[in-house]
């Protein structure tokens, strides 16, 4: 599996460099300076996890990926190489979350998209609060990561242009809450969490969290 991961990483990195111009230096630096944790990112298209995984090799990075991806034998081979974890977006999350916790204990940085689906236009969507309980149960910090440029990939490909992907990494934090938060508390925590991604994005892409970025963080403890 080690050689397979090595081979797939370098093949994918070379392939991605043909269609993308990638800057994820901040992300890689953040990984090197921290222990395994949850990595949250804004979800624009299908390339985020492959980019983050291949460009951070040999650091162990993987992520939650929609279960339908395994219907494609080529994608199945690639994501199995990175030990990606399938998630059923219809709501059966418990088994996937359990596997995420196990992967972090084994030394993996696990990438999760709180929006749950692609925005396509790059505007940050509403985060789903399930990530809050996952972070609390994992008892590990969260690294906020945001990228822009990928919203233009289809337009650029039609014109045979490479697409710039710029990844920004924020300050890691823990969720400061005792016990299991209720629905209202989860929403408040989620707003603070999403605001940490929003502040890394150009203003036009911050969506409903644009006005939250400078608010006081009651539930986040920064590292």
N, C-alpha and C. Protein backbone atom coordinates (compact mmCIF):
# COMPACT_ATOMS: atom_id res chain seq x y z
N UNK A 1 0.82 -1.21 0.00
CA UNK A 1 0.00 0.00 0.00
C UNK A 1 0.86 1.27 0.00
N UNK A 2 2.09 1.17 0.63
CA UNK A 2 2.96 2.33 0.67
C UNK A 2 3.42 2.74 -0.72
N UNK A 3 3.85 1.75 -1.53
CA UNK A 3 4.28 2.06 -2.89
C UNK A 3 3.11 2.54 -3.73
N UNK A 4 1.95 1.93 -3.55
CA UNK A 4 0.77 2.34 -4.31
C UNK A 4 0.42 3.80 -4.02
N UNK A 5 0.46 4.17 -2.74
CA UNK A 5 0.18 5.56 -2.38
C UNK A 5 1.21 6.51 -2.99
N UNK A 6 2.49 6.10 -2.96
CA UNK A 6 3.56 6.88 -3.56
C UNK A 6 3.32 7.07 -5.05
N UNK A 7 3.03 5.98 -5.75
CA UNK A 7 2.86 6.03 -7.21
C UNK A 7 1.64 6.87 -7.59
N UNK A 8 0.54 6.65 -6.89
CA UNK A 8 -0.68 7.40 -7.19
C UNK A 8 -0.49 8.88 -6.89
N UNK A 9 0.21 9.21 -5.81
CA UNK A 9 0.45 10.60 -5.44
C UNK A 9 1.20 11.34 -6.54
N UNK A 10 2.28 10.73 -7.03
CA UNK A 10 3.09 11.42 -8.02
C UNK A 10 2.42 11.45 -9.39
N UNK A 11 1.68 10.42 -9.72
CA UNK A 11 0.92 10.44 -10.97
C UNK A 11 -0.15 11.53 -10.93
N UNK A 12 -0.92 11.59 -9.83
CA UNK A 12 -1.98 12.58 -9.71
C UNK A 12 -1.43 13.99 -9.63
N UNK A 13 -0.31 14.15 -8.93
CA UNK A 13 0.29 15.48 -8.83
C UNK A 13 0.72 15.99 -10.20
N UNK A 14 1.30 15.10 -11.01
CA UNK A 14 1.69 15.48 -12.36
C UNK A 14 0.49 15.80 -13.23
N UNK A 15 -0.55 14.98 -13.12
CA UNK A 15 -1.77 15.21 -13.90
C UNK A 15 -2.43 16.52 -13.51
N UNK A 16 -2.52 16.78 -12.21
CA UNK A 16 -3.16 18.01 -11.74
C UNK A 16 -2.39 19.25 -12.17
N UNK A 17 -1.06 19.13 -12.27
CA UNK A 17 -0.25 20.28 -12.66
C UNK A 17 -0.50 20.70 -14.11
N UNK A 18 -1.03 19.78 -14.91
CA UNK A 18 -1.35 20.10 -16.30
C UNK A 18 -2.55 21.04 -16.40
N UNK A 19 -3.54 20.82 -15.53
CA UNK A 19 -4.78 21.61 -15.60
C UNK A 19 -4.87 22.67 -14.51
N UNK A 20 -3.98 22.62 -13.51
CA UNK A 20 -4.07 23.55 -12.39
C UNK A 20 -2.70 24.17 -12.06
N UNK A 21 -2.74 25.34 -11.54
CA UNK A 21 -1.57 25.99 -10.97
C UNK A 21 -1.84 26.13 -9.48
N UNK A 22 -1.19 25.32 -8.68
CA UNK A 22 -1.60 25.13 -7.29
C UNK A 22 -0.61 25.78 -6.32
N UNK A 23 -1.17 26.53 -5.37
CA UNK A 23 -0.38 27.10 -4.29
C UNK A 23 -1.02 26.66 -2.97
N UNK A 24 -0.42 25.66 -2.34
CA UNK A 24 -0.94 25.22 -1.04
C UNK A 24 0.17 25.17 0.01
N UNK A 25 1.10 26.12 -0.11
CA UNK A 25 2.23 26.17 0.82
C UNK A 25 1.79 26.41 2.26
N UNK A 26 0.77 27.26 2.43
CA UNK A 26 0.29 27.53 3.80
C UNK A 26 -0.28 26.26 4.43
N UNK A 27 -0.98 25.48 3.64
CA UNK A 27 -1.58 24.24 4.13
C UNK A 27 -0.49 23.27 4.57
N UNK A 28 0.52 23.08 3.75
CA UNK A 28 1.59 22.13 4.06
C UNK A 28 2.35 22.58 5.30
N UNK A 29 2.63 23.88 5.41
CA UNK A 29 3.31 24.41 6.59
C UNK A 29 2.50 24.15 7.84
N UNK A 30 1.18 24.35 7.75
CA UNK A 30 0.31 24.11 8.90
C UNK A 30 0.35 22.65 9.34
N UNK A 31 0.39 21.72 8.37
CA UNK A 31 0.46 20.30 8.72
C UNK A 31 1.78 19.99 9.42
N UNK A 32 2.86 20.53 8.92
CA UNK A 32 4.17 20.24 9.50
C UNK A 32 4.31 20.79 10.91
N UNK A 33 3.54 21.83 11.22
CA UNK A 33 3.66 22.48 12.53
C UNK A 33 2.63 21.98 13.54
N UNK A 34 1.82 20.98 13.15
CA UNK A 34 0.76 20.51 14.04
C UNK A 34 0.66 18.99 14.02
N UNK A 35 -0.03 18.46 15.02
CA UNK A 35 -0.32 17.03 15.08
C UNK A 35 -1.61 16.76 14.32
N UNK A 36 -1.90 15.49 14.03
CA UNK A 36 -3.12 15.14 13.28
C UNK A 36 -4.38 15.78 13.87
N UNK A 37 -5.22 16.26 12.98
CA UNK A 37 -6.43 16.98 13.38
C UNK A 37 -7.45 16.92 12.26
N UNK A 38 -8.61 17.50 12.51
CA UNK A 38 -9.61 17.67 11.47
C UNK A 38 -9.23 18.88 10.62
N UNK A 39 -9.35 18.75 9.33
CA UNK A 39 -9.13 19.86 8.40
C UNK A 39 -10.47 20.16 7.74
N UNK A 40 -10.99 21.36 7.92
CA UNK A 40 -12.24 21.73 7.26
C UNK A 40 -11.92 22.64 6.08
N UNK A 41 -12.65 22.47 4.98
CA UNK A 41 -12.38 23.27 3.79
C UNK A 41 -13.69 23.59 3.08
N UNK A 42 -13.69 24.67 2.31
CA UNK A 42 -14.86 25.01 1.50
C UNK A 42 -14.90 24.12 0.27
N UNK A 43 -16.11 23.71 -0.10
CA UNK A 43 -16.27 22.69 -1.13
C UNK A 43 -16.80 23.31 -2.42
N UNK A 44 -15.91 23.47 -3.41
CA UNK A 44 -16.29 24.08 -4.69
C UNK A 44 -16.43 23.03 -5.78
N UNK A 45 -15.46 22.10 -5.84
CA UNK A 45 -15.53 21.04 -6.86
C UNK A 45 -14.87 19.77 -6.35
N UNK A 46 -14.64 18.82 -7.24
CA UNK A 46 -14.17 17.49 -6.84
C UNK A 46 -12.67 17.40 -6.64
N UNK A 47 -11.93 18.48 -6.87
CA UNK A 47 -10.47 18.40 -6.87
C UNK A 47 -9.82 18.71 -5.53
N UNK A 48 -10.56 19.23 -4.56
CA UNK A 48 -9.92 19.70 -3.33
C UNK A 48 -9.16 18.59 -2.60
N UNK A 49 -9.84 17.49 -2.31
CA UNK A 49 -9.17 16.42 -1.56
C UNK A 49 -7.99 15.84 -2.34
N UNK A 50 -8.15 15.51 -3.66
CA UNK A 50 -6.97 15.04 -4.40
C UNK A 50 -5.79 16.01 -4.37
N UNK A 51 -6.07 17.31 -4.47
CA UNK A 51 -4.98 18.29 -4.43
C UNK A 51 -4.30 18.29 -3.07
N UNK A 52 -5.10 18.35 -2.01
CA UNK A 52 -4.53 18.43 -0.67
C UNK A 52 -3.76 17.16 -0.32
N UNK A 53 -4.27 16.01 -0.73
CA UNK A 53 -3.61 14.74 -0.44
C UNK A 53 -2.30 14.60 -1.20
N UNK A 54 -2.32 14.87 -2.50
CA UNK A 54 -1.12 14.66 -3.31
C UNK A 54 -0.02 15.67 -3.01
N UNK A 55 -0.40 16.91 -2.74
CA UNK A 55 0.62 17.94 -2.52
C UNK A 55 1.19 17.93 -1.11
N UNK A 56 0.58 17.17 -0.21
CA UNK A 56 1.10 17.07 1.15
C UNK A 56 1.87 15.77 1.37
N UNK A 57 1.89 14.89 0.36
CA UNK A 57 2.63 13.63 0.48
C UNK A 57 4.09 13.92 0.84
N UNK A 58 4.73 13.20 1.80
CA UNK A 58 4.30 11.94 2.41
C UNK A 58 3.55 12.08 3.73
N UNK A 59 3.12 13.30 4.09
CA UNK A 59 2.28 13.44 5.28
C UNK A 59 0.97 12.69 5.04
N UNK A 60 0.47 12.03 6.04
CA UNK A 60 -0.75 11.25 5.90
C UNK A 60 -1.98 12.17 5.96
N UNK A 61 -2.58 12.36 4.80
CA UNK A 61 -3.78 13.18 4.68
C UNK A 61 -4.84 12.38 3.93
N UNK A 62 -6.04 12.39 4.43
CA UNK A 62 -7.14 11.74 3.74
C UNK A 62 -8.41 12.55 3.99
N UNK A 63 -9.57 11.98 3.67
CA UNK A 63 -10.78 12.77 3.87
C UNK A 63 -12.05 11.97 3.68
N UNK A 64 -13.14 12.60 4.03
CA UNK A 64 -14.46 12.06 3.78
C UNK A 64 -14.85 12.35 2.34
N UNK A 65 -15.32 11.34 1.63
CA UNK A 65 -15.68 11.48 0.22
C UNK A 65 -17.04 10.82 0.01
N UNK A 66 -17.88 11.42 -0.81
CA UNK A 66 -19.22 10.87 -1.02
C UNK A 66 -19.14 9.42 -1.50
N UNK A 67 -20.04 8.60 -0.98
CA UNK A 67 -20.00 7.16 -1.23
C UNK A 67 -20.12 6.81 -2.70
N UNK A 68 -20.84 7.65 -3.47
CA UNK A 68 -21.04 7.36 -4.89
C UNK A 68 -19.74 7.33 -5.68
N UNK A 69 -18.70 7.95 -5.13
CA UNK A 69 -17.40 7.97 -5.81
C UNK A 69 -16.89 6.56 -6.06
N UNK A 70 -17.20 5.64 -5.17
CA UNK A 70 -16.71 4.26 -5.29
C UNK A 70 -17.41 3.48 -6.40
N UNK A 71 -18.42 4.09 -7.02
CA UNK A 71 -19.07 3.45 -8.17
C UNK A 71 -18.19 3.49 -9.41
N UNK A 72 -17.23 4.41 -9.40
CA UNK A 72 -16.27 4.55 -10.50
C UNK A 72 -15.01 3.78 -10.14
N UNK A 73 -14.64 2.74 -10.90
CA UNK A 73 -13.49 1.90 -10.51
C UNK A 73 -12.16 2.66 -10.46
N UNK A 74 -11.97 3.65 -11.34
CA UNK A 74 -10.73 4.42 -11.34
C UNK A 74 -10.65 5.29 -10.09
N UNK A 75 -11.73 6.01 -9.79
CA UNK A 75 -11.76 6.85 -8.60
C UNK A 75 -11.69 6.01 -7.33
N UNK A 76 -12.33 4.85 -7.38
CA UNK A 76 -12.27 3.95 -6.24
C UNK A 76 -10.83 3.54 -5.94
N UNK A 77 -10.07 3.22 -6.98
CA UNK A 77 -8.67 2.84 -6.81
C UNK A 77 -7.87 3.99 -6.20
N UNK A 78 -8.09 5.20 -6.72
CA UNK A 78 -7.34 6.37 -6.25
C UNK A 78 -7.65 6.66 -4.79
N UNK A 79 -8.93 6.72 -4.44
CA UNK A 79 -9.29 7.10 -3.08
C UNK A 79 -8.99 5.99 -2.07
N UNK A 80 -9.02 4.74 -2.51
CA UNK A 80 -8.60 3.67 -1.62
C UNK A 80 -7.11 3.76 -1.31
N UNK A 81 -6.33 4.28 -2.27
CA UNK A 81 -4.90 4.45 -2.05
C UNK A 81 -4.62 5.42 -0.92
N UNK A 82 -5.52 6.39 -0.73
CA UNK A 82 -5.36 7.39 0.33
C UNK A 82 -6.16 7.06 1.57
N UNK A 83 -6.80 5.84 1.56
CA UNK A 83 -7.63 5.42 2.69
C UNK A 83 -8.75 6.43 2.96
N UNK A 84 -9.30 6.99 1.88
CA UNK A 84 -10.44 7.90 2.02
C UNK A 84 -11.62 7.14 2.61
N UNK A 85 -12.49 7.85 3.28
CA UNK A 85 -13.63 7.25 3.96
C UNK A 85 -14.92 7.66 3.26
N UNK A 86 -15.70 6.71 2.79
CA UNK A 86 -16.97 7.06 2.13
C UNK A 86 -18.01 7.52 3.13
N UNK A 87 -18.83 8.48 2.73
CA UNK A 87 -19.91 8.95 3.58
C UNK A 87 -21.21 8.98 2.79
N UNK A 88 -22.25 8.47 3.39
CA UNK A 88 -23.57 8.48 2.79
C UNK A 88 -24.22 9.81 3.10
N UNK A 89 -24.37 10.66 2.12
CA UNK A 89 -24.87 12.01 2.34
C UNK A 89 -26.36 12.06 2.67
N UNK A 90 -27.02 10.91 2.65
CA UNK A 90 -28.44 10.86 2.99
C UNK A 90 -28.65 10.84 4.50
N UNK A 91 -27.55 10.74 5.25
CA UNK A 91 -27.71 10.88 6.69
C UNK A 91 -27.13 9.78 7.56
N UNK A 92 -26.63 8.71 7.00
CA UNK A 92 -26.06 7.63 7.80
C UNK A 92 -24.59 7.95 8.10
N UNK A 93 -24.35 8.85 9.07
CA UNK A 93 -23.02 9.39 9.29
C UNK A 93 -22.23 8.65 10.35
N UNK A 94 -22.89 7.95 11.27
CA UNK A 94 -22.22 7.44 12.47
C UNK A 94 -21.04 6.54 12.16
N UNK A 95 -21.19 5.62 11.21
CA UNK A 95 -20.11 4.70 10.88
C UNK A 95 -18.93 5.44 10.25
N UNK A 96 -19.23 6.41 9.38
CA UNK A 96 -18.17 7.20 8.74
C UNK A 96 -17.41 8.02 9.78
N UNK A 97 -18.15 8.63 10.72
CA UNK A 97 -17.51 9.44 11.75
C UNK A 97 -16.62 8.57 12.64
N UNK A 98 -17.06 7.34 12.91
CA UNK A 98 -16.26 6.43 13.72
C UNK A 98 -14.93 6.14 13.02
N UNK A 99 -14.98 5.95 11.71
CA UNK A 99 -13.75 5.67 10.94
C UNK A 99 -12.83 6.90 10.91
N UNK A 100 -13.43 8.09 10.89
CA UNK A 100 -12.62 9.32 10.94
C UNK A 100 -11.85 9.39 12.25
N UNK A 101 -12.52 9.09 13.35
CA UNK A 101 -11.87 9.12 14.66
C UNK A 101 -10.71 8.11 14.71
N UNK A 102 -10.94 6.93 14.13
CA UNK A 102 -9.89 5.90 14.11
C UNK A 102 -8.70 6.35 13.27
N UNK A 103 -8.98 7.01 12.14
CA UNK A 103 -7.90 7.47 11.25
C UNK A 103 -7.04 8.53 11.93
N UNK A 104 -7.68 9.43 12.66
CA UNK A 104 -6.92 10.48 13.36
C UNK A 104 -6.02 9.86 14.41
N UNK A 105 -6.52 8.85 15.11
CA UNK A 105 -5.71 8.17 16.12
C UNK A 105 -4.50 7.49 15.49
N UNK A 106 -4.65 7.10 14.22
CA UNK A 106 -3.54 6.44 13.51
C UNK A 106 -2.56 7.45 12.90
N UNK A 107 -2.85 8.74 13.04
CA UNK A 107 -1.91 9.75 12.57
C UNK A 107 -2.31 10.46 11.29
N UNK A 108 -3.58 10.37 10.90
CA UNK A 108 -4.04 11.02 9.68
C UNK A 108 -4.65 12.39 9.96
N UNK A 109 -4.36 13.35 9.08
CA UNK A 109 -5.12 14.59 9.01
C UNK A 109 -6.34 14.29 8.14
N UNK A 110 -7.53 14.52 8.68
CA UNK A 110 -8.75 14.14 7.96
C UNK A 110 -9.49 15.38 7.46
N UNK A 111 -9.67 15.45 6.15
CA UNK A 111 -10.32 16.60 5.51
C UNK A 111 -11.83 16.38 5.43
N UNK A 112 -12.57 17.38 5.88
CA UNK A 112 -14.03 17.32 5.89
C UNK A 112 -14.58 18.64 5.37
N UNK A 113 -15.59 18.56 4.51
CA UNK A 113 -16.25 19.76 3.98
C UNK A 113 -17.55 19.99 4.73
N UNK A 114 -17.61 20.96 5.63
CA UNK A 114 -18.82 21.18 6.44
C UNK A 114 -20.06 21.53 5.62
N UNK A 115 -19.88 22.09 4.43
CA UNK A 115 -21.04 22.43 3.60
C UNK A 115 -21.78 21.18 3.12
N UNK A 116 -21.06 20.08 2.98
CA UNK A 116 -21.67 18.82 2.60
C UNK A 116 -21.91 18.65 1.12
N UNK A 117 -21.87 19.71 0.35
CA UNK A 117 -22.07 19.64 -1.09
C UNK A 117 -21.31 20.77 -1.75
N UNK A 118 -21.10 20.66 -3.06
CA UNK A 118 -20.32 21.67 -3.77
C UNK A 118 -21.11 22.95 -3.96
N UNK A 119 -20.42 24.08 -3.82
CA UNK A 119 -21.07 25.36 -4.10
C UNK A 119 -21.01 25.69 -5.59
N UNK A 120 -19.98 25.19 -6.28
CA UNK A 120 -19.74 25.41 -7.72
C UNK A 120 -19.37 26.85 -8.05
N UNK A 121 -20.11 27.84 -7.50
CA UNK A 121 -19.79 29.24 -7.79
C UNK A 121 -18.77 29.81 -6.81
N UNK A 122 -18.39 29.02 -5.79
CA UNK A 122 -17.37 29.45 -4.86
C UNK A 122 -17.87 30.19 -3.64
N UNK A 123 -19.14 30.56 -3.62
CA UNK A 123 -19.69 31.29 -2.47
C UNK A 123 -19.92 30.31 -1.32
N UNK A 124 -19.38 30.62 -0.16
CA UNK A 124 -19.44 29.73 0.99
C UNK A 124 -20.89 29.49 1.42
N UNK A 125 -21.28 28.23 1.49
CA UNK A 125 -22.64 27.86 1.87
C UNK A 125 -22.76 27.61 3.36
N UNK A 126 -23.94 27.30 3.78
CA UNK A 126 -24.22 27.07 5.20
C UNK A 126 -23.58 25.75 5.64
N UNK A 127 -22.90 25.78 6.77
CA UNK A 127 -22.26 24.59 7.29
C UNK A 127 -23.24 23.68 8.01
N UNK A 128 -23.01 22.38 7.93
CA UNK A 128 -23.84 21.40 8.62
C UNK A 128 -23.21 21.08 9.97
N UNK A 129 -24.04 21.12 11.01
CA UNK A 129 -23.52 21.09 12.38
C UNK A 129 -23.01 19.74 12.83
N UNK A 130 -23.15 18.67 12.02
CA UNK A 130 -22.64 17.37 12.42
C UNK A 130 -21.15 17.37 12.71
N UNK A 131 -20.42 18.26 12.04
CA UNK A 131 -18.98 18.35 12.24
C UNK A 131 -18.63 18.74 13.68
N UNK A 132 -19.55 19.42 14.36
CA UNK A 132 -19.30 19.88 15.73
C UNK A 132 -19.15 18.69 16.67
N UNK A 133 -20.11 17.76 16.61
CA UNK A 133 -20.03 16.59 17.48
C UNK A 133 -18.84 15.72 17.13
N UNK A 134 -18.51 15.64 15.85
CA UNK A 134 -17.34 14.87 15.42
C UNK A 134 -16.08 15.44 16.06
N UNK A 135 -15.93 16.76 16.02
CA UNK A 135 -14.75 17.41 16.59
C UNK A 135 -14.68 17.20 18.10
N UNK A 136 -15.83 17.28 18.76
CA UNK A 136 -15.85 17.10 20.21
C UNK A 136 -15.50 15.66 20.59
N UNK A 137 -16.01 14.69 19.84
CA UNK A 137 -15.72 13.29 20.13
C UNK A 137 -14.27 12.94 19.81
N UNK A 138 -13.75 13.52 18.74
CA UNK A 138 -12.35 13.27 18.37
C UNK A 138 -11.39 13.93 19.35
N UNK A 139 -11.84 15.02 19.98
CA UNK A 139 -11.02 15.76 20.93
C UNK A 139 -9.69 16.19 20.31
N UNK A 140 -9.77 16.68 19.08
CA UNK A 140 -8.59 17.18 18.39
C UNK A 140 -8.90 18.57 17.84
N UNK A 141 -7.86 19.35 17.56
CA UNK A 141 -8.08 20.69 16.99
C UNK A 141 -8.64 20.61 15.58
N UNK A 142 -9.13 21.74 15.13
CA UNK A 142 -9.62 21.91 13.76
C UNK A 142 -8.74 22.93 13.06
N UNK A 143 -8.31 22.59 11.85
CA UNK A 143 -7.54 23.53 11.02
C UNK A 143 -8.45 24.04 9.92
N UNK A 144 -8.77 25.35 9.90
CA UNK A 144 -9.59 25.88 8.82
C UNK A 144 -8.75 26.16 7.58
N UNK A 145 -9.23 25.67 6.45
CA UNK A 145 -8.55 25.87 5.17
C UNK A 145 -9.58 26.37 4.16
N UNK A 146 -9.21 27.33 3.36
CA UNK A 146 -10.13 27.83 2.33
C UNK A 146 -9.35 28.03 1.04
N UNK A 147 -10.04 27.83 -0.07
CA UNK A 147 -9.37 28.02 -1.36
C UNK A 147 -10.27 28.78 -2.32
N UNK A 148 -9.66 29.39 -3.29
CA UNK A 148 -10.40 30.09 -4.34
C UNK A 148 -9.64 29.94 -5.65
N UNK A 149 -10.35 30.14 -6.72
CA UNK A 149 -9.81 29.93 -8.06
C UNK A 149 -10.44 28.73 -8.72
N UNK A 150 -10.74 27.70 -7.94
CA UNK A 150 -11.31 26.48 -8.48
C UNK A 150 -12.70 26.65 -9.06
N UNK A 151 -13.38 27.73 -8.68
CA UNK A 151 -14.72 27.97 -9.23
C UNK A 151 -14.69 28.25 -10.73
N UNK A 152 -13.50 28.53 -11.25
CA UNK A 152 -13.37 28.86 -12.68
C UNK A 152 -12.84 27.70 -13.53
N UNK A 153 -12.73 26.51 -12.96
CA UNK A 153 -12.02 25.45 -13.66
C UNK A 153 -12.68 25.05 -14.97
N UNK A 154 -14.01 24.91 -15.03
CA UNK A 154 -14.65 24.46 -16.26
C UNK A 154 -14.53 25.50 -17.36
N UNK A 155 -14.65 26.76 -17.00
CA UNK A 155 -14.48 27.83 -17.97
C UNK A 155 -13.05 27.83 -18.51
N UNK A 156 -12.08 27.68 -17.63
CA UNK A 156 -10.68 27.67 -18.04
C UNK A 156 -10.35 26.45 -18.91
N UNK A 157 -10.91 25.31 -18.57
CA UNK A 157 -10.64 24.11 -19.37
C UNK A 157 -11.19 24.24 -20.79
N UNK A 158 -12.34 24.88 -20.91
CA UNK A 158 -12.90 25.11 -22.25
C UNK A 158 -12.01 25.99 -23.09
N UNK A 159 -11.26 26.87 -22.44
CA UNK A 159 -10.35 27.78 -23.14
C UNK A 159 -8.89 27.31 -23.06
N UNK A 160 -8.71 26.06 -22.62
CA UNK A 160 -7.37 25.45 -22.53
C UNK A 160 -6.43 26.26 -21.66
N UNK A 161 -6.96 26.77 -20.53
CA UNK A 161 -6.14 27.53 -19.60
C UNK A 161 -6.02 26.77 -18.28
N UNK A 162 -4.85 26.88 -17.65
CA UNK A 162 -4.68 26.28 -16.33
C UNK A 162 -5.44 27.12 -15.29
N UNK A 163 -5.95 26.44 -14.29
CA UNK A 163 -6.73 27.13 -13.25
C UNK A 163 -5.90 27.31 -11.99
N UNK A 164 -5.73 28.55 -11.52
CA UNK A 164 -5.01 28.77 -10.26
C UNK A 164 -5.86 28.31 -9.07
N UNK A 165 -5.29 27.49 -8.23
CA UNK A 165 -5.91 27.10 -6.96
C UNK A 165 -5.06 27.68 -5.84
N UNK A 166 -5.62 28.57 -5.07
CA UNK A 166 -4.89 29.16 -3.95
C UNK A 166 -5.51 28.71 -2.64
N UNK A 167 -4.74 27.97 -1.85
CA UNK A 167 -5.22 27.47 -0.55
C UNK A 167 -4.64 28.32 0.57
N UNK A 168 -5.50 28.75 1.49
CA UNK A 168 -5.09 29.51 2.66
C UNK A 168 -5.41 28.72 3.92
N UNK A 169 -4.52 28.74 4.86
CA UNK A 169 -4.74 28.03 6.13
C UNK A 169 -4.86 29.04 7.26
N UNK A 170 -5.85 28.83 8.11
CA UNK A 170 -6.05 29.72 9.25
C UNK A 170 -5.38 29.19 10.51
N UNK A 171 -5.80 29.71 11.61
CA UNK A 171 -5.23 29.33 12.90
C UNK A 171 -6.01 28.16 13.49
N UNK A 172 -5.34 27.08 13.89
CA UNK A 172 -6.05 25.94 14.47
C UNK A 172 -6.76 26.32 15.77
N UNK A 173 -7.84 25.62 16.06
CA UNK A 173 -8.60 25.90 17.29
C UNK A 173 -9.28 24.63 17.77
N UNK A 174 -9.67 24.67 19.01
CA UNK A 174 -10.51 23.63 19.59
C UNK A 174 -11.88 24.20 19.88
N UNK A 175 -12.89 23.34 19.88
CA UNK A 175 -14.22 23.77 20.30
C UNK A 175 -14.29 23.65 21.80
N UNK A 176 -14.57 24.76 22.44
CA UNK A 176 -14.59 24.83 23.91
C UNK A 176 -16.02 24.66 24.40
N UNK A 177 -16.39 23.41 24.66
CA UNK A 177 -17.75 23.15 25.14
C UNK A 177 -17.75 21.84 25.92
N UNK A 178 -18.38 21.84 27.08
CA UNK A 178 -18.49 20.65 27.90
C UNK A 178 -19.79 19.92 27.59
N UNK A 179 -19.71 18.62 27.39
CA UNK A 179 -20.91 17.84 27.15
C UNK A 179 -21.35 17.86 25.69
N UNK A 180 -22.62 17.58 25.48
CA UNK A 180 -23.18 17.50 24.14
C UNK A 180 -24.03 18.75 23.87
N UNK A 181 -23.65 19.58 22.92
CA UNK A 181 -24.42 20.81 22.67
C UNK A 181 -25.79 20.50 22.07
N UNK A 182 -26.78 21.33 22.44
CA UNK A 182 -28.10 21.21 21.85
C UNK A 182 -28.12 21.85 20.47
N UNK A 183 -29.28 21.80 19.82
CA UNK A 183 -29.39 22.29 18.45
C UNK A 183 -29.01 23.77 18.34
N UNK A 184 -29.52 24.59 19.24
CA UNK A 184 -29.22 26.03 19.17
C UNK A 184 -27.74 26.29 19.40
N UNK A 185 -27.16 25.58 20.34
CA UNK A 185 -25.73 25.75 20.63
C UNK A 185 -24.88 25.27 19.46
N UNK A 186 -25.27 24.16 18.82
CA UNK A 186 -24.53 23.68 17.66
C UNK A 186 -24.53 24.70 16.54
N UNK A 187 -25.65 25.36 16.33
CA UNK A 187 -25.73 26.37 15.28
C UNK A 187 -24.82 27.55 15.58
N UNK A 188 -24.77 27.95 16.83
CA UNK A 188 -23.90 29.07 17.20
C UNK A 188 -22.43 28.70 17.04
N UNK A 189 -22.09 27.48 17.45
CA UNK A 189 -20.71 27.01 17.30
C UNK A 189 -20.36 26.92 15.82
N UNK A 190 -21.30 26.38 15.02
CA UNK A 190 -21.07 26.22 13.59
C UNK A 190 -20.82 27.57 12.92
N UNK A 191 -21.54 28.58 13.33
CA UNK A 191 -21.35 29.91 12.77
C UNK A 191 -19.94 30.42 13.04
N UNK A 192 -19.45 30.20 14.27
CA UNK A 192 -18.09 30.63 14.61
C UNK A 192 -17.06 29.84 13.81
N UNK A 193 -17.29 28.55 13.64
CA UNK A 193 -16.36 27.69 12.89
C UNK A 193 -16.30 28.13 11.42
N UNK A 194 -17.46 28.31 10.80
CA UNK A 194 -17.51 28.69 9.39
C UNK A 194 -16.90 30.07 9.16
N UNK A 195 -17.03 30.94 10.14
CA UNK A 195 -16.46 32.27 10.02
C UNK A 195 -14.94 32.23 9.90
N UNK A 196 -14.32 31.18 10.49
CA UNK A 196 -12.87 31.05 10.39
C UNK A 196 -12.44 30.71 8.97
N UNK A 197 -13.28 30.02 8.22
CA UNK A 197 -13.01 29.79 6.81
C UNK A 197 -13.32 31.04 6.00
N UNK A 198 -14.43 31.70 6.33
CA UNK A 198 -14.86 32.88 5.58
C UNK A 198 -13.78 33.96 5.57
N UNK A 199 -13.11 34.13 6.68
CA UNK A 199 -12.11 35.20 6.77
C UNK A 199 -10.90 34.95 5.87
N UNK A 200 -10.73 33.71 5.41
CA UNK A 200 -9.62 33.37 4.52
C UNK A 200 -9.95 33.59 3.05
N UNK A 201 -11.23 33.84 2.76
CA UNK A 201 -11.70 33.96 1.38
C UNK A 201 -11.82 35.42 0.96
N UNK A 202 -11.77 35.68 -0.34
CA UNK A 202 -12.11 37.03 -0.82
C UNK A 202 -13.54 37.38 -0.38
N UNK A 203 -13.80 38.64 -0.16
CA UNK A 203 -15.09 39.07 0.40
C UNK A 203 -16.27 38.56 -0.40
N UNK A 204 -16.13 38.51 -1.72
CA UNK A 204 -17.25 38.10 -2.58
C UNK A 204 -17.66 36.65 -2.38
N UNK A 205 -16.80 35.86 -1.70
CA UNK A 205 -17.05 34.43 -1.56
C UNK A 205 -17.45 34.03 -0.14
N UNK A 206 -17.64 34.99 0.74
CA UNK A 206 -17.87 34.66 2.16
C UNK A 206 -19.32 34.32 2.47
N UNK A 207 -20.22 34.57 1.56
CA UNK A 207 -21.61 34.20 1.74
C UNK A 207 -22.23 34.78 2.99
N UNK A 208 -23.05 34.00 3.67
CA UNK A 208 -23.77 34.50 4.84
C UNK A 208 -22.87 34.69 6.05
N UNK A 209 -21.61 34.25 5.94
CA UNK A 209 -20.69 34.41 7.06
C UNK A 209 -19.81 35.65 6.92
N UNK A 210 -20.09 36.47 5.92
CA UNK A 210 -19.26 37.65 5.67
C UNK A 210 -19.25 38.60 6.86
N UNK A 211 -20.35 38.69 7.57
CA UNK A 211 -20.44 39.64 8.68
C UNK A 211 -20.06 39.02 10.01
N UNK A 212 -19.67 37.76 9.99
CA UNK A 212 -19.35 37.06 11.24
C UNK A 212 -17.87 37.02 11.55
N UNK A 213 -17.04 37.33 10.56
CA UNK A 213 -15.61 37.05 10.71
C UNK A 213 -14.94 37.82 11.84
N UNK A 214 -15.47 39.01 12.20
CA UNK A 214 -14.84 39.81 13.24
C UNK A 214 -15.56 39.70 14.58
N UNK A 215 -16.61 38.86 14.64
CA UNK A 215 -17.35 38.69 15.89
C UNK A 215 -16.52 37.92 16.92
N UNK A 216 -16.82 38.14 18.18
CA UNK A 216 -16.12 37.45 19.24
C UNK A 216 -16.44 35.95 19.19
N UNK A 217 -15.42 35.13 19.41
CA UNK A 217 -15.60 33.68 19.40
C UNK A 217 -15.77 33.19 20.84
N UNK A 218 -16.99 32.82 21.15
CA UNK A 218 -17.33 32.36 22.49
C UNK A 218 -16.97 30.89 22.69
N UNK A 219 -17.05 30.10 21.61
CA UNK A 219 -16.89 28.65 21.73
C UNK A 219 -15.59 28.11 21.17
N UNK A 220 -14.74 28.97 20.63
CA UNK A 220 -13.50 28.51 20.03
C UNK A 220 -12.29 28.90 20.88
N UNK A 221 -11.40 27.96 21.05
CA UNK A 221 -10.17 28.20 21.79
C UNK A 221 -9.00 28.03 20.82
N UNK A 222 -8.34 29.14 20.50
CA UNK A 222 -7.29 29.10 19.47
C UNK A 222 -5.97 28.60 20.06
N UNK A 223 -5.24 27.90 19.20
CA UNK A 223 -3.97 27.30 19.63
C UNK A 223 -2.79 28.20 19.26
